[in-house]
Structures are given as structure tokens and as C-alpha cells.
Protein backbone atom coordinates (compact mmCIF):
# COMPACT_ATOMS: atom_id res chain seq x y z
CA MET A 1 -0.01 -0.01 0.01
CA ARG A 2 1.42 3.44 -0.97
CA ASP A 3 1.92 6.00 1.76
CA ASP A 4 -0.97 8.24 0.68
CA GLU A 5 -3.32 5.23 0.39
CA LEU A 6 -2.24 4.10 3.85
CA GLY A 7 -2.84 7.55 5.20
CA ARG A 8 -6.29 7.78 3.67
CA THR A 9 -7.18 4.33 5.00
CA LEU A 10 -5.96 5.15 8.56
CA ILE A 11 -7.75 8.49 8.58
CA GLY A 12 -10.93 6.73 7.35
CA ILE A 13 -10.63 4.17 10.16
CA ALA A 14 -10.22 6.89 12.78
CA ARG A 15 -13.12 9.04 11.45
CA ALA A 16 -15.42 5.99 11.16
CA ALA A 17 -14.58 4.83 14.69
CA ILE A 18 -15.52 8.20 16.11
CA ALA A 19 -18.64 8.43 14.02
CA ALA A 20 -19.84 4.96 15.12
CA GLU A 21 -19.22 5.87 18.78
CA LEU A 22 -21.34 9.03 18.29
CA GLY A 23 -24.06 6.95 16.62
CA LEU A 24 -23.56 8.81 13.31
CA ALA A 25 -22.54 5.78 11.26
CA ASN A 26 -22.37 1.99 11.41
CA GLY A 27 -18.70 1.17 11.15
CA GLY A 28 -16.68 2.17 8.14
CA PRO A 29 -13.33 1.25 6.60
CA ASP A 30 -12.22 -2.13 7.86
CA GLY A 31 -8.81 -2.18 9.50
CA ALA A 32 -8.52 -5.94 9.01
CA ALA A 33 -6.43 -5.33 5.90
CA LEU A 34 -3.81 -3.66 8.07
CA LEU A 35 -2.63 -6.67 9.96
CA ARG A 36 0.94 -5.56 10.56
CA LEU A 37 1.79 -4.41 14.03
CA GLY A 38 1.94 -0.66 14.45
CA ALA A 39 2.09 2.06 17.09
CA THR A 40 0.03 5.14 16.27
CA PHE A 41 -1.20 8.40 17.74
CA VAL A 42 -4.50 9.99 16.67
CA THR A 43 -4.68 13.75 17.10
CA LEU A 44 -7.92 15.65 16.73
CA PHE A 45 -8.32 19.35 15.91
CA TYR A 46 -11.58 21.22 16.28
CA ARG A 47 -11.56 24.34 14.16
CA GLY A 48 -7.80 24.25 14.10
CA GLU A 49 -7.30 23.84 17.87
CA LEU A 50 -6.11 20.69 19.56
CA ARG A 51 -9.12 18.68 20.69
CA GLY A 52 -7.60 15.35 21.73
CA CYS A 53 -4.49 13.22 21.27
CA ILE A 54 -4.02 9.66 22.38
CA GLY A 55 -1.68 6.99 21.16
CA SER A 56 0.57 3.98 21.59
CA LEU A 57 4.34 4.12 21.85
CA ARG A 58 4.93 0.45 21.17
CA ALA A 59 3.45 -1.72 18.42
CA THR A 60 1.39 -4.29 20.31
CA ARG A 61 -1.61 -4.68 18.04
CA ASP A 62 -2.51 -4.44 14.33
CA VAL A 63 -2.14 -0.90 13.02
CA GLY A 64 -5.82 -0.65 11.94
CA LEU A 65 -7.05 -1.68 15.44
CA ASP A 66 -4.51 0.64 17.03
CA VAL A 67 -5.84 3.60 15.03
CA HIS A 68 -9.46 2.61 15.79
CA GLU A 69 -8.84 2.40 19.56
CA ASN A 70 -6.69 5.55 19.76
CA ALA A 71 -9.26 7.52 17.72
CA VAL A 72 -12.03 6.62 20.17
CA ALA A 73 -9.77 7.38 23.14
CA ALA A 74 -8.70 10.77 21.64
CA ALA A 75 -12.29 11.76 21.04
CA PHE A 76 -13.81 10.53 24.28
CA ARG A 77 -11.14 9.81 26.87
CA ASP A 78 -8.40 12.46 26.62
CA PRO A 79 -8.47 13.79 30.21
CA ARG A 80 -7.65 17.32 29.00
CA PHE A 81 -10.95 17.67 27.11
CA PRO A 82 -14.61 16.84 27.53
CA PRO A 83 -15.85 14.01 25.22
CA LEU A 84 -16.36 15.07 21.62
CA THR A 85 -20.02 15.79 20.71
CA SER A 86 -21.86 14.99 17.49
CA GLY A 87 -22.19 18.73 16.93
CA GLU A 88 -18.36 19.07 16.83
CA PHE A 89 -17.74 16.04 14.63
CA GLU A 90 -17.99 17.66 11.21
CA ALA A 91 -15.64 20.50 12.15
CA THR A 92 -13.12 18.11 13.63
CA SER A 93 -10.16 17.06 11.57
CA VAL A 94 -8.06 13.93 12.16
CA GLU A 95 -4.29 13.45 12.03
CA VAL A 96 -2.72 10.00 12.31
CA SER A 97 0.92 9.46 13.14
CA LEU A 98 2.57 6.07 12.57
CA LEU A 99 5.58 5.74 14.86
CA SER A 100 8.94 4.12 14.11
CA PRO A 101 10.23 1.74 16.80
CA LEU A 102 11.57 3.56 19.90
CA GLU A 103 15.31 3.97 20.07
CA SER A 104 16.32 4.02 23.72
CA ALA A 105 19.37 6.03 24.66
CA ARG A 106 21.28 7.08 27.79
CA PHE A 107 22.50 10.62 28.29
CA ASP A 108 24.65 11.74 31.24
CA THR A 109 23.57 15.34 30.74
CA GLU A 110 20.71 17.23 29.22
CA ASP A 111 23.24 19.00 26.99
CA GLU A 112 24.13 15.61 25.44
CA LEU A 113 20.46 14.99 24.67
CA ARG A 114 19.88 18.45 23.26
CA ALA A 115 22.90 17.98 20.96
CA ARG A 116 21.44 14.70 19.67
CA LEU A 117 17.91 16.01 19.03
CA ARG A 118 16.73 16.83 15.51
CA PRO A 119 13.96 19.45 15.77
CA GLY A 120 10.95 18.61 13.66
CA ILE A 121 12.16 15.05 13.18
CA ASP A 122 12.51 13.34 16.58
CA GLY A 123 9.72 12.51 18.96
CA VAL A 124 10.90 12.10 22.51
CA THR A 125 9.74 10.06 25.51
CA LEU A 126 11.04 10.62 29.03
CA GLU A 127 10.46 8.17 31.87
CA LEU A 128 11.65 7.98 35.47
CA ASP A 129 9.81 5.92 38.07
CA ASP A 130 6.14 7.04 37.87
CA HIS A 131 6.89 10.08 35.69
CA ARG A 132 6.53 9.65 31.94
CA ALA A 133 5.56 11.75 28.93
CA THR A 134 6.06 12.01 25.20
CA PHE A 135 5.97 14.70 22.53
CA LEU A 136 5.39 13.79 18.93
CA PRO A 137 7.75 15.47 16.44
CA GLN A 138 4.89 17.77 15.55
CA VAL A 139 5.34 19.57 18.91
CA TRP A 140 8.53 21.14 17.57
CA GLU A 141 6.30 23.48 15.57
CA ALA A 142 5.16 25.12 18.82
CA LEU A 143 8.41 24.60 20.74
CA PRO A 144 11.26 24.88 18.20
CA GLU A 145 14.13 25.29 20.69
CA PRO A 146 15.44 22.00 22.26
CA ARG A 147 15.75 23.64 25.72
CA GLU A 148 12.07 24.74 25.63
CA PHE A 149 10.92 21.49 24.13
CA LEU A 150 12.58 19.42 26.88
CA ALA A 151 11.48 21.76 29.64
CA ALA A 152 7.83 21.40 28.51
CA LEU A 153 8.19 17.64 28.18
CA LYS A 154 9.57 17.33 31.68
CA HIS A 155 6.72 19.50 32.98
CA LYS A 156 4.25 17.23 31.22
CA ALA A 157 5.92 14.26 32.95
CA GLY A 158 5.49 15.97 36.34
CA LEU A 159 9.18 16.70 36.72
CA PRO A 160 10.75 20.07 37.47
CA VAL A 161 11.76 21.83 34.21
CA ASP A 162 15.36 22.08 35.35
CA PHE A 163 15.51 18.39 36.43
CA TRP A 164 18.08 16.00 35.02
CA SER A 165 19.31 12.58 36.05
CA PRO A 166 21.37 10.01 34.13
CA ARG A 167 18.68 7.52 35.34
CA LEU A 168 16.11 9.29 33.11
CA ASN A 169 15.08 6.84 30.42
CA VAL A 170 15.00 8.58 27.07
CA ALA A 171 13.70 7.17 23.80
CA LEU A 172 13.59 8.82 20.37
CA TYR A 173 11.34 8.01 17.43
CA GLN A 174 10.11 9.43 14.17
CA VAL A 175 6.65 9.41 12.61
CA THR A 176 4.98 9.25 9.27
CA LYS A 177 1.92 11.45 9.65
CA TRP A 178 -1.15 12.16 7.64
CA LYS A 179 -3.53 15.10 8.10
CA GLU A 180 -7.05 14.70 6.88
CA SER A 181 -7.11 18.26 5.54
CA GLU A 182 -3.93 17.75 3.50
CA LEU A 183 -5.14 14.41 2.05
CA SER A 184 -8.47 16.00 1.09
CA ARG A 185 -6.73 18.88 -0.73
CA ALA A 186 -4.33 16.49 -2.50
CA ALA A 187 -7.28 14.37 -3.67
CA GLU A 188 -9.07 17.47 -5.02
CA HIS A 189 -6.03 18.47 -7.08
CA SER A 190 -5.35 15.04 -8.59
């Protein structure tokens, strides 16, 4: 399956899963054709503003099922937002990110990590004891400086922004992402 076809399929699975949960449709694109394991994030935007984002960091289920489950979770179980309503559905756009495998790394200092980061390319997870958080590579658009990016990620994990420990588990990953709005525009122009 070509990248744009895969993107359209995954976006269709996400949109259909949310519509079915809202009672607006009975199912939709079948994810059964996507039987390879995959880790995905589904991000929702309502009128251009973040409306939900839930995902998986490790590939533990078929990519179609992962998108389906993460779409429902992003729409109805992201603790930062109330559940999506049927009135918001049409004005909500979907973005699906397919993650590469995590690449764990050890850094003695935050400076070492900052030197290794590729803004706009690397997603980052931080984990220490009960503290954990991730930022997709898309977050670099809002936080383009590595120092700001890592400070916000540590804050999200519940750690002080100036915290560092060599015990901090760091993993980097990249994504292939598809935005519903971009796929729609590309289809109109082809």
C-alpha cells in the first residue's frame, strides 16, 4: 500500500470509529487489511485547535485496530478535554501518526540529549519511576528550541523543568503522519 493510500485508510478508520461511537454511522473502513503491528497516535483538531491526542508508543496490536482504539480514546477519553460531541464532529479534523520503533538512549547530561535532538524530526519520551511523557515530532512546531521542548516535556511528565538525572530513560522515534485536511486537498487536485 502506498503512503498516501495508507494515510487515507488510517484517517478513514479513525473518522469511522468516532462516528460509530457518536451513533452517526455503522462502522466504516475495515482495519482488517492492516494486519501488521503498528504504534500510532491519533490527534484531533476542532476548528484548528487541539481537541484530543491519544496513542501508543509500542506496536502491540494491528495498526488498523490501534488507530481505531486511539481515535475513540482521543475523542472521548483524553483527560484534558470533555468528550467530543456529535455537533463538533464535522468541524473536527483527524491526524494520524505512525511511529517508528523507539530507540532508547542514555544521556549523562541534558546538553548531550539536546545535541542529539533533530527538531521537527525526533519525537521524545522521558520516563523515570512514575513520571513519563512523550511529545510527537509535531510539537517542535510550537516549541522549536530544544531547551524549551525538553522543559515542557519534563513539565508534562510531572518533573521540574530544570531536572536531570542520568537515570532518566529517554527514547527517540520518528513518525509518518497524515492530516485529513492535506489528504483531502491532495485528492481534489489530482
